[in-house]
N, C-alpha and C. Protein backbone atom coordinates (compact mmCIF):
# COMPACT_ATOMS: atom_id res chain seq x y z
N MET A 1 -15.44 27.16 5.06
CA MET A 1 -15.17 26.55 3.77
C MET A 1 -13.75 26.04 3.61
N PRO A 2 -12.89 26.15 4.63
CA PRO A 2 -11.55 25.60 4.46
C PRO A 2 -11.59 24.09 4.23
N GLU A 3 -12.57 23.42 4.86
CA GLU A 3 -12.70 21.97 4.65
C GLU A 3 -13.00 21.69 3.18
N GLN A 4 -13.87 22.51 2.61
CA GLN A 4 -14.22 22.38 1.19
C GLN A 4 -12.98 22.54 0.32
N ASN A 5 -12.14 23.52 0.65
CA ASN A 5 -10.91 23.75 -0.11
C ASN A 5 -9.98 22.55 -0.02
N ASN A 6 -9.92 21.91 1.15
CA ASN A 6 -9.10 20.71 1.32
C ASN A 6 -9.58 19.59 0.42
N TYR A 7 -10.91 19.40 0.37
CA TYR A 7 -11.47 18.36 -0.48
C TYR A 7 -11.17 18.64 -1.96
N ILE A 8 -11.30 19.87 -2.35
CA ILE A 8 -11.02 20.23 -3.75
C ILE A 8 -9.55 19.98 -4.06
N GLU A 9 -8.67 20.34 -3.15
CA GLU A 9 -7.24 20.11 -3.37
C GLU A 9 -6.93 18.62 -3.49
N VAL A 10 -7.61 17.81 -2.67
CA VAL A 10 -7.42 16.36 -2.74
C VAL A 10 -7.92 15.83 -4.09
N MET A 11 -9.03 16.35 -4.56
CA MET A 11 -9.56 15.93 -5.87
C MET A 11 -8.59 16.31 -6.99
N LEU A 12 -8.04 17.51 -6.93
CA LEU A 12 -7.07 17.94 -7.94
C LEU A 12 -5.82 17.07 -7.90
N LYS A 13 -5.34 16.77 -6.69
CA LYS A 13 -4.17 15.88 -6.56
C LYS A 13 -4.46 14.52 -7.16
N SER A 14 -5.66 14.03 -6.90
CA SER A 14 -6.06 12.72 -7.43
C SER A 14 -6.05 12.74 -8.95
N LEU A 15 -6.58 13.79 -9.55
CA LEU A 15 -6.60 13.88 -11.01
C LEU A 15 -5.18 13.99 -11.58
N ARG A 16 -4.33 14.78 -10.92
CA ARG A 16 -2.94 14.90 -11.39
C ARG A 16 -2.23 13.56 -11.30
N LYS A 17 -2.46 12.85 -10.20
CA LYS A 17 -1.85 11.53 -10.02
C LYS A 17 -2.36 10.56 -11.10
N LYS A 18 -3.63 10.67 -11.42
CA LYS A 18 -4.21 9.81 -12.45
C LYS A 18 -3.54 10.05 -13.80
N VAL A 19 -3.23 11.31 -14.11
CA VAL A 19 -2.53 11.62 -15.35
C VAL A 19 -1.17 10.92 -15.36
N LEU A 20 -0.46 10.96 -14.24
CA LEU A 20 0.85 10.31 -14.16
C LEU A 20 0.74 8.79 -14.30
N VAL A 21 -0.27 8.22 -13.68
CA VAL A 21 -0.47 6.77 -13.78
C VAL A 21 -0.81 6.38 -15.22
N LEU A 22 -1.63 7.19 -15.87
CA LEU A 22 -1.96 6.91 -17.27
C LEU A 22 -0.73 7.02 -18.16
N ASP A 23 0.15 7.98 -17.86
CA ASP A 23 1.42 8.06 -18.60
C ASP A 23 2.22 6.78 -18.41
N GLY A 24 2.22 6.26 -17.20
CA GLY A 24 2.91 5.00 -16.93
C GLY A 24 2.29 3.85 -17.73
N LEU A 25 0.97 3.84 -17.82
CA LEU A 25 0.29 2.81 -18.60
C LEU A 25 0.63 2.93 -20.09
N ILE A 26 0.71 4.14 -20.58
CA ILE A 26 1.08 4.35 -21.98
C ILE A 26 2.49 3.79 -22.22
N ASP A 27 3.40 4.06 -21.30
CA ASP A 27 4.76 3.52 -21.41
C ASP A 27 4.75 2.00 -21.42
N LYS A 28 3.94 1.40 -20.54
CA LYS A 28 3.86 -0.07 -20.47
C LYS A 28 3.25 -0.65 -21.74
N CYS A 29 2.29 0.04 -22.33
CA CYS A 29 1.70 -0.42 -23.60
C CYS A 29 2.74 -0.40 -24.71
N GLU A 30 3.55 0.65 -24.73
CA GLU A 30 4.61 0.73 -25.74
C GLU A 30 5.66 -0.35 -25.51
N GLU A 31 5.99 -0.59 -24.24
CA GLU A 31 6.94 -1.65 -23.90
C GLU A 31 6.39 -3.01 -24.32
N GLN A 32 5.11 -3.21 -24.08
CA GLN A 32 4.47 -4.46 -24.48
C GLN A 32 4.50 -4.63 -26.00
N ALA A 33 4.27 -3.54 -26.72
CA ALA A 33 4.31 -3.60 -28.18
C ALA A 33 5.70 -4.01 -28.65
N ASP A 34 6.74 -3.48 -28.01
CA ASP A 34 8.11 -3.87 -28.36
C ASP A 34 8.35 -5.35 -28.11
N ILE A 35 7.82 -5.85 -27.01
CA ILE A 35 8.00 -7.27 -26.67
C ILE A 35 7.33 -8.17 -27.70
N ILE A 36 6.11 -7.83 -28.08
CA ILE A 36 5.36 -8.73 -28.96
C ILE A 36 5.73 -8.57 -30.43
N ARG A 37 6.48 -7.55 -30.77
CA ARG A 37 6.93 -7.39 -32.16
C ARG A 37 8.17 -8.21 -32.46
N GLU A 38 8.82 -8.71 -31.43
CA GLU A 38 10.02 -9.53 -31.64
C GLU A 38 9.64 -10.82 -32.37
N SER A 39 10.58 -11.36 -33.13
CA SER A 39 10.29 -12.61 -33.85
C SER A 39 10.05 -13.75 -32.86
N GLU A 40 10.80 -13.76 -31.77
CA GLU A 40 10.59 -14.72 -30.69
C GLU A 40 10.08 -13.93 -29.49
N ILE A 41 8.82 -14.09 -29.15
CA ILE A 41 8.24 -13.34 -28.03
C ILE A 41 8.80 -13.89 -26.73
N ASP A 42 9.28 -12.98 -25.89
CA ASP A 42 9.75 -13.34 -24.54
C ASP A 42 8.52 -13.33 -23.63
N TRP A 43 7.93 -14.52 -23.44
CA TRP A 43 6.68 -14.61 -22.69
C TRP A 43 6.86 -14.25 -21.22
N GLU A 44 8.04 -14.46 -20.69
CA GLU A 44 8.30 -14.07 -19.30
C GLU A 44 8.26 -12.54 -19.17
N ALA A 45 8.92 -11.85 -20.09
CA ALA A 45 8.90 -10.38 -20.09
C ALA A 45 7.47 -9.88 -20.31
N PHE A 46 6.73 -10.58 -21.17
CA PHE A 46 5.34 -10.22 -21.43
C PHE A 46 4.51 -10.33 -20.15
N ASP A 47 4.68 -11.44 -19.42
CA ASP A 47 3.94 -11.64 -18.17
C ASP A 47 4.28 -10.57 -17.14
N ILE A 48 5.55 -10.22 -17.04
CA ILE A 48 5.97 -9.17 -16.10
C ILE A 48 5.32 -7.85 -16.48
N ASN A 49 5.32 -7.55 -17.78
CA ASN A 49 4.71 -6.32 -18.27
C ASN A 49 3.21 -6.28 -17.92
N VAL A 50 2.52 -7.39 -18.13
CA VAL A 50 1.09 -7.45 -17.82
C VAL A 50 0.85 -7.25 -16.33
N SER A 51 1.70 -7.83 -15.49
CA SER A 51 1.56 -7.65 -14.04
C SER A 51 1.77 -6.18 -13.64
N GLU A 52 2.75 -5.55 -14.25
CA GLU A 52 3.02 -4.14 -13.95
C GLU A 52 1.85 -3.27 -14.42
N LYS A 53 1.29 -3.60 -15.57
CA LYS A 53 0.14 -2.84 -16.06
C LYS A 53 -1.06 -3.03 -15.13
N GLN A 54 -1.23 -4.25 -14.62
CA GLN A 54 -2.35 -4.51 -13.71
C GLN A 54 -2.21 -3.70 -12.43
N ALA A 55 -0.99 -3.56 -11.93
CA ALA A 55 -0.76 -2.74 -10.73
C ALA A 55 -1.15 -1.29 -10.99
N LEU A 56 -0.81 -0.78 -12.16
CA LEU A 56 -1.19 0.59 -12.51
C LEU A 56 -2.71 0.74 -12.65
N ILE A 57 -3.34 -0.27 -13.22
CA ILE A 57 -4.80 -0.24 -13.36
C ILE A 57 -5.47 -0.27 -11.99
N ASP A 58 -4.94 -1.09 -11.09
CA ASP A 58 -5.48 -1.13 -9.72
C ASP A 58 -5.35 0.24 -9.05
N GLU A 59 -4.24 0.91 -9.28
CA GLU A 59 -4.03 2.24 -8.72
C GLU A 59 -5.05 3.23 -9.30
N LEU A 60 -5.32 3.11 -10.60
CA LEU A 60 -6.33 3.98 -11.23
C LEU A 60 -7.70 3.77 -10.60
N VAL A 61 -8.05 2.53 -10.36
CA VAL A 61 -9.35 2.21 -9.75
C VAL A 61 -9.45 2.86 -8.37
N GLN A 62 -8.39 2.76 -7.59
CA GLN A 62 -8.39 3.38 -6.27
C GLN A 62 -8.54 4.89 -6.37
N LEU A 63 -7.82 5.49 -7.29
CA LEU A 63 -7.93 6.94 -7.48
C LEU A 63 -9.34 7.35 -7.88
N ASP A 64 -9.94 6.57 -8.78
CA ASP A 64 -11.31 6.86 -9.21
C ASP A 64 -12.30 6.75 -8.05
N GLU A 65 -12.15 5.68 -7.27
CA GLU A 65 -13.06 5.48 -6.15
C GLU A 65 -12.93 6.61 -5.13
N GLY A 66 -11.69 7.01 -4.82
CA GLY A 66 -11.48 8.10 -3.88
C GLY A 66 -12.05 9.41 -4.39
N PHE A 67 -11.83 9.68 -5.67
CA PHE A 67 -12.35 10.90 -6.29
C PHE A 67 -13.87 10.93 -6.20
N GLU A 68 -14.49 9.82 -6.55
CA GLU A 68 -15.96 9.73 -6.53
C GLU A 68 -16.52 9.96 -5.12
N LYS A 69 -15.89 9.37 -4.12
CA LYS A 69 -16.37 9.54 -2.74
C LYS A 69 -16.31 11.00 -2.32
N ILE A 70 -15.21 11.64 -2.63
CA ILE A 70 -15.07 13.06 -2.26
C ILE A 70 -16.05 13.91 -3.04
N TYR A 71 -16.18 13.62 -4.33
CA TYR A 71 -17.09 14.41 -5.16
C TYR A 71 -18.53 14.30 -4.66
N LYS A 72 -18.95 13.11 -4.29
CA LYS A 72 -20.31 12.93 -3.76
C LYS A 72 -20.50 13.76 -2.49
N ARG A 73 -19.46 13.84 -1.69
CA ARG A 73 -19.53 14.56 -0.43
C ARG A 73 -19.68 16.07 -0.64
N ILE A 74 -19.00 16.62 -1.66
CA ILE A 74 -18.99 18.09 -1.81
C ILE A 74 -19.74 18.59 -3.05
N LYS A 75 -20.35 17.68 -3.79
CA LYS A 75 -21.00 18.05 -5.05
C LYS A 75 -21.99 19.20 -4.89
N ALA A 76 -22.89 19.06 -3.96
CA ALA A 76 -23.94 20.08 -3.79
C ALA A 76 -23.33 21.44 -3.49
N ASN A 77 -22.40 21.48 -2.57
CA ASN A 77 -21.77 22.74 -2.19
C ASN A 77 -20.95 23.32 -3.34
N LEU A 78 -20.29 22.43 -4.08
CA LEU A 78 -19.48 22.86 -5.22
C LEU A 78 -20.35 23.50 -6.29
N LEU A 79 -21.48 22.88 -6.59
CA LEU A 79 -22.38 23.42 -7.61
C LEU A 79 -23.05 24.71 -7.13
N GLU A 80 -23.31 24.77 -5.84
CA GLU A 80 -23.95 25.96 -5.27
C GLU A 80 -23.03 27.17 -5.32
N HIS A 81 -21.73 26.94 -5.17
CA HIS A 81 -20.76 28.04 -5.15
C HIS A 81 -19.79 27.94 -6.34
N LYS A 82 -20.34 27.68 -7.50
CA LYS A 82 -19.52 27.51 -8.71
C LYS A 82 -18.56 28.66 -8.95
N GLU A 83 -19.07 29.85 -8.82
CA GLU A 83 -18.24 31.02 -9.13
C GLU A 83 -17.05 31.13 -8.18
N GLN A 84 -17.22 30.72 -6.95
CA GLN A 84 -16.14 30.80 -5.96
C GLN A 84 -15.02 29.81 -6.29
N TYR A 85 -15.40 28.68 -6.88
CA TYR A 85 -14.43 27.62 -7.18
C TYR A 85 -14.17 27.49 -8.68
N SER A 86 -14.44 28.53 -9.43
CA SER A 86 -14.36 28.44 -10.89
C SER A 86 -12.98 28.05 -11.39
N ASP A 87 -11.92 28.57 -10.78
CA ASP A 87 -10.56 28.21 -11.22
C ASP A 87 -10.28 26.73 -10.98
N ASP A 88 -10.68 26.25 -9.81
CA ASP A 88 -10.48 24.84 -9.50
C ASP A 88 -11.30 23.94 -10.42
N ILE A 89 -12.53 24.35 -10.66
CA ILE A 89 -13.41 23.57 -11.55
C ILE A 89 -12.82 23.54 -12.95
N LYS A 90 -12.31 24.68 -13.41
CA LYS A 90 -11.71 24.74 -14.75
C LYS A 90 -10.50 23.80 -14.83
N GLU A 91 -9.66 23.82 -13.80
CA GLU A 91 -8.49 22.93 -13.79
C GLU A 91 -8.92 21.46 -13.79
N MET A 92 -9.96 21.15 -13.02
CA MET A 92 -10.48 19.77 -13.01
C MET A 92 -10.97 19.37 -14.39
N GLN A 93 -11.68 20.27 -15.05
CA GLN A 93 -12.19 19.97 -16.39
C GLN A 93 -11.04 19.73 -17.38
N GLU A 94 -9.99 20.53 -17.27
CA GLU A 94 -8.83 20.35 -18.15
C GLU A 94 -8.14 19.01 -17.88
N LEU A 95 -8.01 18.68 -16.60
CA LEU A 95 -7.38 17.41 -16.24
C LEU A 95 -8.23 16.23 -16.71
N ILE A 96 -9.53 16.35 -16.57
CA ILE A 96 -10.43 15.27 -17.01
C ILE A 96 -10.37 15.10 -18.53
N THR A 97 -10.26 16.21 -19.26
CA THR A 97 -10.10 16.13 -20.72
C THR A 97 -8.79 15.42 -21.07
N LEU A 98 -7.72 15.78 -20.38
CA LEU A 98 -6.42 15.15 -20.60
C LEU A 98 -6.49 13.65 -20.27
N ILE A 99 -7.15 13.32 -19.18
CA ILE A 99 -7.31 11.91 -18.77
C ILE A 99 -8.10 11.14 -19.82
N THR A 100 -9.14 11.75 -20.33
CA THR A 100 -9.95 11.09 -21.37
C THR A 100 -9.12 10.83 -22.62
N ASP A 101 -8.34 11.82 -23.04
CA ASP A 101 -7.49 11.66 -24.22
C ASP A 101 -6.48 10.52 -24.02
N LYS A 102 -5.87 10.48 -22.86
CA LYS A 102 -4.89 9.43 -22.56
C LYS A 102 -5.57 8.06 -22.51
N SER A 103 -6.77 8.01 -21.96
CA SER A 103 -7.52 6.75 -21.88
C SER A 103 -7.85 6.22 -23.27
N VAL A 104 -8.24 7.13 -24.16
CA VAL A 104 -8.55 6.72 -25.54
C VAL A 104 -7.29 6.18 -26.22
N ARG A 105 -6.16 6.84 -25.99
CA ARG A 105 -4.90 6.37 -26.58
C ARG A 105 -4.55 4.98 -26.06
N ILE A 106 -4.72 4.78 -24.77
CA ILE A 106 -4.42 3.47 -24.18
C ILE A 106 -5.31 2.39 -24.77
N GLN A 107 -6.59 2.70 -24.93
CA GLN A 107 -7.51 1.72 -25.53
C GLN A 107 -7.08 1.35 -26.94
N ALA A 108 -6.66 2.34 -27.72
CA ALA A 108 -6.20 2.08 -29.09
C ALA A 108 -4.92 1.23 -29.07
N ASP A 109 -3.99 1.57 -28.17
CA ASP A 109 -2.75 0.79 -28.05
C ASP A 109 -3.04 -0.64 -27.63
N GLU A 110 -3.94 -0.81 -26.69
CA GLU A 110 -4.30 -2.14 -26.22
C GLU A 110 -4.92 -2.98 -27.34
N GLU A 111 -5.77 -2.37 -28.12
CA GLU A 111 -6.41 -3.08 -29.23
C GLU A 111 -5.36 -3.49 -30.27
N ARG A 112 -4.43 -2.58 -30.57
CA ARG A 112 -3.37 -2.90 -31.52
C ARG A 112 -2.53 -4.07 -30.99
N ASN A 113 -2.17 -4.02 -29.72
CA ASN A 113 -1.37 -5.09 -29.12
C ASN A 113 -2.13 -6.41 -29.12
N ARG A 114 -3.43 -6.35 -28.85
CA ARG A 114 -4.25 -7.57 -28.85
C ARG A 114 -4.22 -8.24 -30.22
N ARG A 115 -4.34 -7.44 -31.28
CA ARG A 115 -4.32 -8.00 -32.63
C ARG A 115 -2.97 -8.64 -32.95
N ILE A 116 -1.90 -7.99 -32.54
CA ILE A 116 -0.55 -8.54 -32.77
C ILE A 116 -0.39 -9.87 -32.03
N ILE A 117 -0.85 -9.92 -30.80
CA ILE A 117 -0.75 -11.15 -30.01
C ILE A 117 -1.58 -12.26 -30.64
N GLU A 118 -2.79 -11.92 -31.10
CA GLU A 118 -3.63 -12.94 -31.75
C GLU A 118 -2.94 -13.51 -32.98
N LYS A 119 -2.29 -12.66 -33.77
CA LYS A 119 -1.56 -13.15 -34.95
C LYS A 119 -0.42 -14.06 -34.53
N SER A 120 0.31 -13.65 -33.49
CA SER A 120 1.43 -14.46 -33.02
C SER A 120 0.95 -15.82 -32.51
N LEU A 121 -0.14 -15.81 -31.78
CA LEU A 121 -0.68 -17.07 -31.26
C LEU A 121 -1.21 -17.96 -32.38
N ALA A 122 -1.77 -17.36 -33.43
CA ALA A 122 -2.25 -18.14 -34.57
C ALA A 122 -1.06 -18.84 -35.24
N VAL A 123 0.06 -18.13 -35.37
CA VAL A 123 1.27 -18.73 -35.96
C VAL A 123 1.77 -19.88 -35.08
N VAL A 124 1.78 -19.65 -33.77
CA VAL A 124 2.24 -20.70 -32.84
C VAL A 124 1.33 -21.92 -32.94
N LYS A 125 0.01 -21.70 -32.96
CA LYS A 125 -0.93 -22.82 -33.07
C LYS A 125 -0.71 -23.58 -34.38
N LYS A 126 -0.49 -22.84 -35.46
CA LYS A 126 -0.26 -23.46 -36.76
C LYS A 126 1.02 -24.30 -36.72
N ASP A 127 2.08 -23.76 -36.10
CA ASP A 127 3.33 -24.50 -35.97
C ASP A 127 3.15 -25.76 -35.14
N ILE A 128 2.40 -25.66 -34.05
CA ILE A 128 2.14 -26.83 -33.20
C ILE A 128 1.36 -27.88 -33.98
N LYS A 129 0.35 -27.45 -34.72
CA LYS A 129 -0.44 -28.38 -35.51
C LYS A 129 0.43 -29.07 -36.57
N ALA A 130 1.27 -28.30 -37.24
CA ALA A 130 2.16 -28.87 -38.25
C ALA A 130 3.14 -29.84 -37.60
N SER A 131 3.62 -29.50 -36.44
CA SER A 131 4.55 -30.36 -35.72
C SER A 131 3.87 -31.67 -35.33
N ARG A 132 2.66 -31.57 -34.82
CA ARG A 132 1.92 -32.79 -34.45
C ARG A 132 1.66 -33.66 -35.66
N THR A 133 1.31 -33.03 -36.77
CA THR A 133 1.04 -33.77 -38.00
C THR A 133 2.30 -34.49 -38.47
N SER A 134 3.44 -33.80 -38.43
CA SER A 134 4.67 -34.44 -38.89
C SER A 134 5.11 -35.54 -37.92
N VAL A 135 4.90 -35.36 -36.63
CA VAL A 135 5.23 -36.41 -35.66
C VAL A 135 4.34 -37.62 -35.90
N LYS A 136 3.05 -37.39 -36.14
CA LYS A 136 2.13 -38.50 -36.39
C LYS A 136 2.52 -39.22 -37.68
N ALA A 137 2.87 -38.46 -38.72
CA ALA A 137 3.27 -39.08 -39.98
C ALA A 137 4.53 -39.92 -39.78
N ALA A 138 5.49 -39.40 -39.04
CA ALA A 138 6.73 -40.14 -38.79
C ALA A 138 6.45 -41.39 -37.98
N THR A 139 5.59 -41.29 -36.98
CA THR A 139 5.25 -42.45 -36.15
C THR A 139 4.56 -43.51 -37.00
N ASP A 140 3.60 -43.10 -37.83
CA ASP A 140 2.91 -44.04 -38.71
C ASP A 140 3.89 -44.71 -39.68
N TYR A 141 4.81 -43.92 -40.20
CA TYR A 141 5.81 -44.46 -41.13
C TYR A 141 6.66 -45.52 -40.42
N TYR A 142 7.16 -45.21 -39.24
CA TYR A 142 8.00 -46.17 -38.52
C TYR A 142 7.22 -47.42 -38.13
N LYS A 143 5.96 -47.27 -37.80
CA LYS A 143 5.14 -48.44 -37.48
C LYS A 143 4.98 -49.33 -38.72
N SER A 144 4.68 -48.69 -39.85
CA SER A 144 4.47 -49.49 -41.07
C SER A 144 5.78 -50.11 -41.54
N MET A 145 6.91 -49.39 -41.38
CA MET A 145 8.19 -49.94 -41.79
C MET A 145 8.64 -51.08 -40.88
N SER A 146 8.25 -51.05 -39.65
CA SER A 146 8.65 -52.12 -38.75
C SER A 146 7.90 -53.41 -39.06
N ARG A 147 6.83 -53.34 -39.82
CA ARG A 147 6.06 -54.53 -40.18
C ARG A 147 6.49 -55.12 -41.52
N VAL A 148 7.36 -54.44 -42.23
CA VAL A 148 7.74 -54.90 -43.57
C VAL A 148 8.35 -56.29 -43.52
N ASN A 149 9.23 -56.51 -42.61
CA ASN A 149 9.89 -57.82 -42.55
C ASN A 149 9.19 -58.79 -41.60
N TYR A 150 8.04 -58.43 -41.17
CA TYR A 150 7.32 -59.26 -40.22
C TYR A 150 6.32 -60.11 -40.99
N VAL A 151 6.35 -61.39 -40.76
CA VAL A 151 5.43 -62.31 -41.42
C VAL A 151 4.42 -62.76 -40.39
N ASP A 152 3.16 -62.57 -40.74
CA ASP A 152 2.11 -62.98 -39.82
C ASP A 152 2.16 -64.49 -39.66
N PRO A 153 1.87 -64.96 -38.48
CA PRO A 153 1.86 -66.42 -38.29
C PRO A 153 0.80 -67.05 -39.22
N GLN A 154 1.15 -68.16 -39.75
CA GLN A 154 0.25 -68.87 -40.67
C GLN A 154 -0.52 -69.93 -39.89
N PHE A 155 -1.67 -70.22 -40.43
CA PHE A 155 -2.42 -71.32 -39.81
C PHE A 155 -1.65 -72.58 -40.12
N MET A 156 -1.43 -73.31 -39.12
CA MET A 156 -0.71 -74.55 -39.32
C MET A 156 -1.64 -75.71 -39.03
N ASP A 157 -1.48 -76.71 -39.83
CA ASP A 157 -2.27 -77.91 -39.62
C ASP A 157 -1.49 -78.79 -38.67
N LYS A 158 -2.04 -79.00 -37.51
CA LYS A 158 -1.31 -79.76 -36.51
C LYS A 158 -1.65 -81.25 -36.57
N LYS A 159 -2.39 -81.64 -37.55
CA LYS A 159 -2.71 -83.06 -37.68
C LYS A 159 -1.51 -83.79 -38.26
N LYS A 160 -1.31 -84.98 -37.83
CA LYS A 160 -0.20 -85.75 -38.33
C LYS A 160 -0.65 -86.85 -39.18
């Protein structure tokens, strides 16, 4: 059963690492919230933040996939000898509860950030629309003013 113990230790390490990665994601969500709350959003900083968050998400996916592979391999033996691994199972359950809590927090933070970004983009779209309208009005005005002193050619009788 030493091999089984190694697999369990790897699963526990994976869960602990996942907690740390989720903490990193929480930090990035808070950083993103700070960026988008500014009156002038720094879109470059926003893009960097999103890239960093994506790297953390990719790491979470890898951790999940590795955990699942190991769990499938030892599931039957683990369930068969529950009492022998009760401390490890309890620690896994606690870590999974912590992971779930952090995941829920991240989802709430992401939703809040999404709403803030949507509001900011609505303001930007409104400003662009107003700008286009004023440019069009100015262009129309200058076109009409340039015709004020212009006299259309008259029909001329060329008969003598």
